[in-house]
Protein backbone atom coordinates (compact mmCIF):
# COMPACT_ATOMS: atom_id res chain seq x y z
CA MET A 1 -10.08 -10.00 -23.38
CA THR A 2 -10.76 -6.29 -23.26
CA VAL A 3 -13.23 -4.57 -20.99
CA ASN A 4 -14.96 -1.73 -22.80
CA GLU A 5 -16.48 1.36 -21.19
CA GLY A 6 -19.31 0.14 -18.95
CA GLN A 7 -20.29 -0.48 -15.35
CA ILE A 8 -17.07 -2.40 -14.59
CA ALA A 9 -14.93 0.44 -15.94
CA LEU A 10 -16.98 2.91 -13.91
CA ASN A 11 -16.50 0.79 -10.78
CA ALA A 12 -12.76 0.62 -11.45
CA LYS A 13 -12.55 4.42 -11.65
CA ARG A 14 -14.38 4.75 -8.33
CA VAL A 15 -12.01 2.25 -6.68
CA VAL A 16 -9.02 4.30 -7.85
CA LEU A 17 -10.57 7.48 -6.42
CA LEU A 18 -11.49 5.87 -3.07
CA HIS A 19 -8.45 3.64 -2.57
CA ASN A 20 -6.56 6.16 -0.43
CA SER A 21 -9.57 6.92 1.74
CA SER A 22 -10.92 4.98 4.71
CA ARG A 23 -14.20 4.07 2.98
CA GLY A 24 -13.59 0.35 3.29
CA TRP A 25 -17.14 -0.89 2.82
CA THR A 26 -17.56 1.08 -0.40
CA LEU A 27 -14.27 -0.32 -1.72
CA GLY A 28 -15.15 -3.84 -0.64
CA ASN A 29 -18.55 -3.63 -2.30
CA LEU A 30 -17.09 -2.25 -5.54
CA VAL A 31 -14.62 -5.15 -5.73
CA ALA A 32 -17.20 -7.77 -4.69
CA ARG A 33 -19.72 -6.65 -7.30
CA SER A 34 -17.14 -6.25 -10.07
CA CYS A 35 -15.12 -9.47 -9.71
CA TYR A 36 -15.47 -13.20 -9.51
CA LYS A 37 -12.92 -15.58 -8.03
CA GLY A 38 -11.05 -18.08 -10.16
CA LYS A 39 -9.60 -18.10 -13.64
CA PRO A 40 -11.23 -16.94 -16.88
CA GLY A 41 -13.65 -19.51 -18.26
CA ARG A 42 -14.58 -20.95 -14.86
CA SER A 43 -17.46 -18.62 -14.11
CA GLY A 44 -19.69 -19.85 -16.91
CA GLN A 45 -18.83 -16.88 -19.11
CA THR A 46 -18.06 -17.57 -22.79
CA GLY A 47 -17.51 -15.41 -25.85
CA PRO A 48 -16.64 -11.69 -25.84
CA MET A 49 -16.59 -10.02 -22.43
CA ASP A 50 -19.66 -7.89 -21.73
CA PRO A 51 -18.51 -4.52 -20.26
CA ASN A 52 -21.24 -4.89 -17.62
CA SER A 53 -20.37 -8.46 -16.57
CA LYS A 54 -17.91 -9.40 -13.82
CA VAL A 55 -14.20 -9.81 -14.45
CA THR A 56 -11.41 -11.66 -12.67
CA LEU A 57 -9.51 -10.02 -9.84
CA ALA A 58 -6.44 -10.00 -12.09
CA GLU A 59 -8.32 -8.09 -14.81
CA PHE A 60 -9.75 -5.63 -12.27
CA SER A 61 -6.23 -5.14 -10.94
CA ARG A 62 -5.13 -4.19 -14.45
CA LEU A 63 -8.01 -1.71 -14.76
CA THR A 64 -7.38 -0.03 -11.40
CA GLY A 65 -3.60 -0.30 -11.10
CA ILE A 66 -4.08 -1.74 -7.59
CA GLY A 67 -2.33 -4.97 -6.63
CA SER A 68 -4.41 -8.12 -7.08
CA LYS A 69 -3.53 -9.24 -3.53
CA THR A 70 -4.99 -6.04 -2.10
CA LEU A 71 -8.15 -6.50 -4.18
CA GLN A 72 -8.33 -10.13 -3.07
CA ARG A 73 -8.31 -8.98 0.56
CA TYR A 74 -11.16 -6.54 -0.09
CA TYR A 75 -13.13 -9.33 -1.76
CA ALA A 76 -12.36 -11.81 1.02
CA ALA A 77 -13.39 -9.33 3.75
CA TYR A 78 -16.71 -8.66 2.03
CA GLU A 79 -17.24 -12.39 1.52
CA LEU A 80 -16.56 -12.99 5.23
CA ALA A 81 -19.14 -10.36 6.12
CA ALA A 82 -21.63 -12.35 4.04
CA THR A 83 -20.79 -15.93 5.03
CA ASP A 84 -19.36 -15.61 8.55
CA PRO A 85 -20.44 -12.28 10.07
CA LEU A 86 -19.17 -11.19 13.46
CA PRO A 87 -21.42 -12.03 16.46
CA GLY A 88 -24.44 -9.78 16.56
CA ILE A 89 -23.69 -8.23 13.16
CA PRO A 90 -26.09 -8.77 10.21
CA ALA A 91 -24.72 -10.31 7.02
CA VAL A 92 -24.28 -8.40 3.78
CA ARG A 93 -25.22 -9.91 0.43
CA HIS A 94 -22.81 -12.52 -0.91
CA PRO A 95 -20.55 -11.33 -3.77
CA ASP A 96 -21.99 -14.05 -6.05
CA THR A 97 -25.44 -12.44 -5.75
CA LEU A 98 -24.22 -8.94 -6.61
CA ALA A 99 -24.37 -7.53 -10.13
CA PRO A 100 -21.82 -4.84 -11.10
CA SER A 101 -24.48 -2.16 -10.52
CA ASP A 102 -25.56 -3.38 -7.03
CA ASP A 103 -24.19 -1.07 -4.32
CA ASP A 104 -25.76 -3.19 -1.51
CA ALA A 105 -26.35 0.06 0.37
CA GLN A 106 -29.27 -1.41 2.29
CA SER A 107 -27.24 -4.30 3.77
CA ILE A 108 -24.31 -2.03 4.65
CA SER A 109 -26.55 0.57 6.31
CA GLU A 110 -27.98 -2.10 8.63
CA LEU A 111 -24.56 -3.20 9.95
CA VAL A 112 -24.51 -0.59 12.72
CA GLU A 113 -27.22 1.28 14.61
CA CYS A 114 -26.15 4.91 15.02
CA GLU A 115 -28.31 7.99 14.61
CA ASP A 116 -25.33 10.34 14.35
CA ALA A 117 -23.90 10.30 10.82
CA ASP A 118 -20.26 10.82 11.88
CA GLU A 119 -20.53 8.12 14.53
CA ARG A 120 -22.04 5.74 11.97
CA VAL A 121 -19.09 6.27 9.61
CA SER A 122 -16.64 5.72 12.46
CA GLU A 123 -18.32 2.49 13.59
CA LEU A 124 -18.49 1.18 10.03
CA ASP A 125 -14.76 1.87 9.57
CA LYS A 126 -13.95 -0.03 12.77
CA LEU A 127 -16.13 -2.93 11.68
CA TRP A 128 -14.40 -3.09 8.28
CA SER A 129 -11.00 -3.10 10.00
CA ARG A 130 -12.06 -6.12 12.04
CA TYR A 131 -13.02 -8.07 8.91
CA MET A 132 -9.74 -7.10 7.21
CA SER A 133 -7.85 -8.30 10.30
CA ARG A 134 -9.65 -11.65 10.07
CA VAL A 135 -8.62 -11.93 6.42
CA ARG A 136 -4.95 -11.34 7.31
CA SER A 137 -5.22 -13.82 10.18
CA ASN A 138 -6.61 -16.44 7.79
CA GLU A 139 -3.75 -15.71 5.38
CA THR A 140 -1.19 -16.25 8.15
CA LYS A 141 -2.82 -19.55 9.13
CA ALA A 142 -2.83 -20.70 5.51
CA GLU A 143 0.85 -19.82 5.12
CA LYS A 144 1.71 -21.85 8.22
CA ARG A 145 -0.29 -24.84 6.94
CA ASN A 146 1.48 -24.69 3.57
CA ALA A 147 4.97 -24.12 5.00
CA PRO A 148 7.50 -26.96 4.47
CA LYS A 149 7.70 -29.27 7.49
CA ASP A 150 11.43 -28.71 7.96
CA VAL A 151 10.80 -24.97 8.18
CA GLU A 152 8.05 -25.53 10.75
CA LYS A 153 10.38 -27.70 12.86
CA GLN A 154 13.10 -25.07 12.66
CA GLN A 155 10.60 -22.42 13.78
CA ASP A 156 9.32 -24.63 16.61
CA SER A 157 12.86 -25.25 17.88
CA THR A 158 13.64 -21.55 18.13
CA PRO A 159 13.66 -20.63 21.82
CA GLU A 160 11.15 -18.03 22.91
CA PRO A 161 12.63 -14.78 24.23
CA VAL A 162 12.50 -14.55 28.00
CA ILE A 163 10.87 -11.35 29.16
CA ASP A 164 11.38 -10.41 32.78
CA ALA A 165 7.99 -8.79 33.20
CA PRO A 166 6.57 -7.76 36.57
CA VAL A 167 3.76 -9.86 37.97
CA THR A 168 0.48 -8.03 37.54
CA ASN A 169 -2.25 -9.99 39.28
CA THR A 170 -4.64 -7.29 40.42
CA PRO A 171 -6.91 -5.31 38.05
CA LYS A 172 -5.17 -2.10 39.15
CA GLN A 173 -1.73 -3.50 38.28
CA ARG A 174 -2.93 -4.82 34.92
CA LEU A 175 -4.55 -1.47 34.15
CA ALA A 176 -1.30 0.36 34.95
CA SER A 177 0.71 -1.99 32.72
CA LEU A 178 -1.69 -1.58 29.79
CA GLU A 179 -1.72 2.21 29.77
CA PRO A 180 1.79 2.66 28.28
CA VAL A 181 0.98 -0.02 25.71
CA ARG A 182 -2.15 1.83 24.63
CA ASN A 183 -0.28 5.14 24.52
CA GLY A 184 2.48 3.54 22.47
CA ILE A 185 -0.05 2.28 19.92
CA LEU A 186 -1.57 5.76 19.75
CA ASP A 187 1.87 7.27 19.13
CA TYR A 188 2.49 4.72 16.39
CA CYS A 189 -0.80 5.68 14.68
CA GLU A 190 0.57 9.21 14.38
CA VAL A 191 3.96 7.98 13.13
CA ILE A 192 2.28 6.00 10.34
CA GLU A 193 0.99 9.21 8.79
CA SER A 194 4.52 10.57 8.32
CA ASP A 195 6.67 7.44 7.99
CA PRO A 196 8.62 7.96 4.71
CA THR A 197 8.81 4.22 4.06
CA LEU A 198 5.06 3.71 4.42
CA LEU A 199 4.28 6.86 2.45
CA GLN A 200 5.96 5.24 -0.55
CA ASP A 201 3.49 2.34 -0.43
CA GLU A 202 -0.05 3.51 0.27
CA SER A 203 -1.48 -0.02 0.58
CA LYS A 204 1.05 -0.93 3.28
CA ARG A 205 0.36 2.35 5.09
CA LEU A 206 -3.37 1.63 5.12
CA GLU A 207 -2.76 -1.92 6.36
CA ALA A 208 -0.49 -0.68 9.15
CA LYS A 209 -3.07 1.94 10.09
CA GLU A 210 -5.89 -0.62 10.21
CA ILE A 211 -3.92 -2.99 12.44
CA ALA A 212 -2.77 -0.20 14.77
CA GLU A 213 -6.32 1.16 15.12
CA LEU A 214 -7.66 -2.31 15.86
CA LEU A 215 -4.99 -2.90 18.53
CA TYR A 216 -5.74 0.48 20.08
CA GLU A 217 -9.46 -0.30 20.13
CA GLN A 218 -8.84 -3.66 21.84
CA ALA A 219 -6.48 -2.12 24.42
CA GLU A 220 -9.00 0.62 25.14
CA ARG A 221 -11.80 -1.93 25.62
CA ILE A 222 -9.72 -4.04 28.00
CA MET A 223 -8.75 -0.96 30.00
CA GLN A 224 -12.40 0.02 30.33
CA LEU A 225 -13.24 -3.43 31.70
CA LEU A 226 -10.32 -3.31 34.11
CA SER A 227 -11.36 0.17 35.28
CA LYS A 228 -14.75 -1.24 36.24
CA GLU A 229 -13.03 -4.03 38.21
CA VAL A 230 -10.83 -1.50 40.01
CA VAL A 231 -13.90 0.51 41.03
CA ALA A 232 -15.60 -2.66 42.23
CA GLU A 233 -12.65 -3.64 44.47
């Protein structure tokens, strides 16, 4: 089955151009509107492939040169944003309702309320990272469910490392203990950009960057809450 020049091929070229950027929603939308889940023949499509009809993730992977697992994550994140949006966040259109030419710009633009263009882009990037983190969390849960029982028992019997950490009961103590953690995450974000191992695999570098940025955001939010408690004491 060959995909001729058409909307799918155009989408594939755009994915290749944008893959190394942080434009997650654009990538997610391109994958969601170009692909269907499952194997060939299960989407109701028969006969020669129309260049403007959806293809499998495996076929889109062949067109873009990007791993099918990475594309699957983009698809899954966009699908989550449609079926199980984060609290207070509007849903985007479901991938099944998108044609290859639908950019879903209206749904994406309504995800955040920011007048400043740069701030809007930043907030959208953070939101995409949160959906990607949920996808990876779901993958980890699925792997644990499918793991052989003897492996699970072996993992459960492994003793947890004992960490002799200081007791931090007051907001001020907890704030002080979190600051080096936050700074360490920030340092790691900078290391990611020059790590020779990660530079050899762009998809892994982007994944590491997304996770580090999410952790930093969460640490920053907790520290802000603790700062308010310290002031209130």
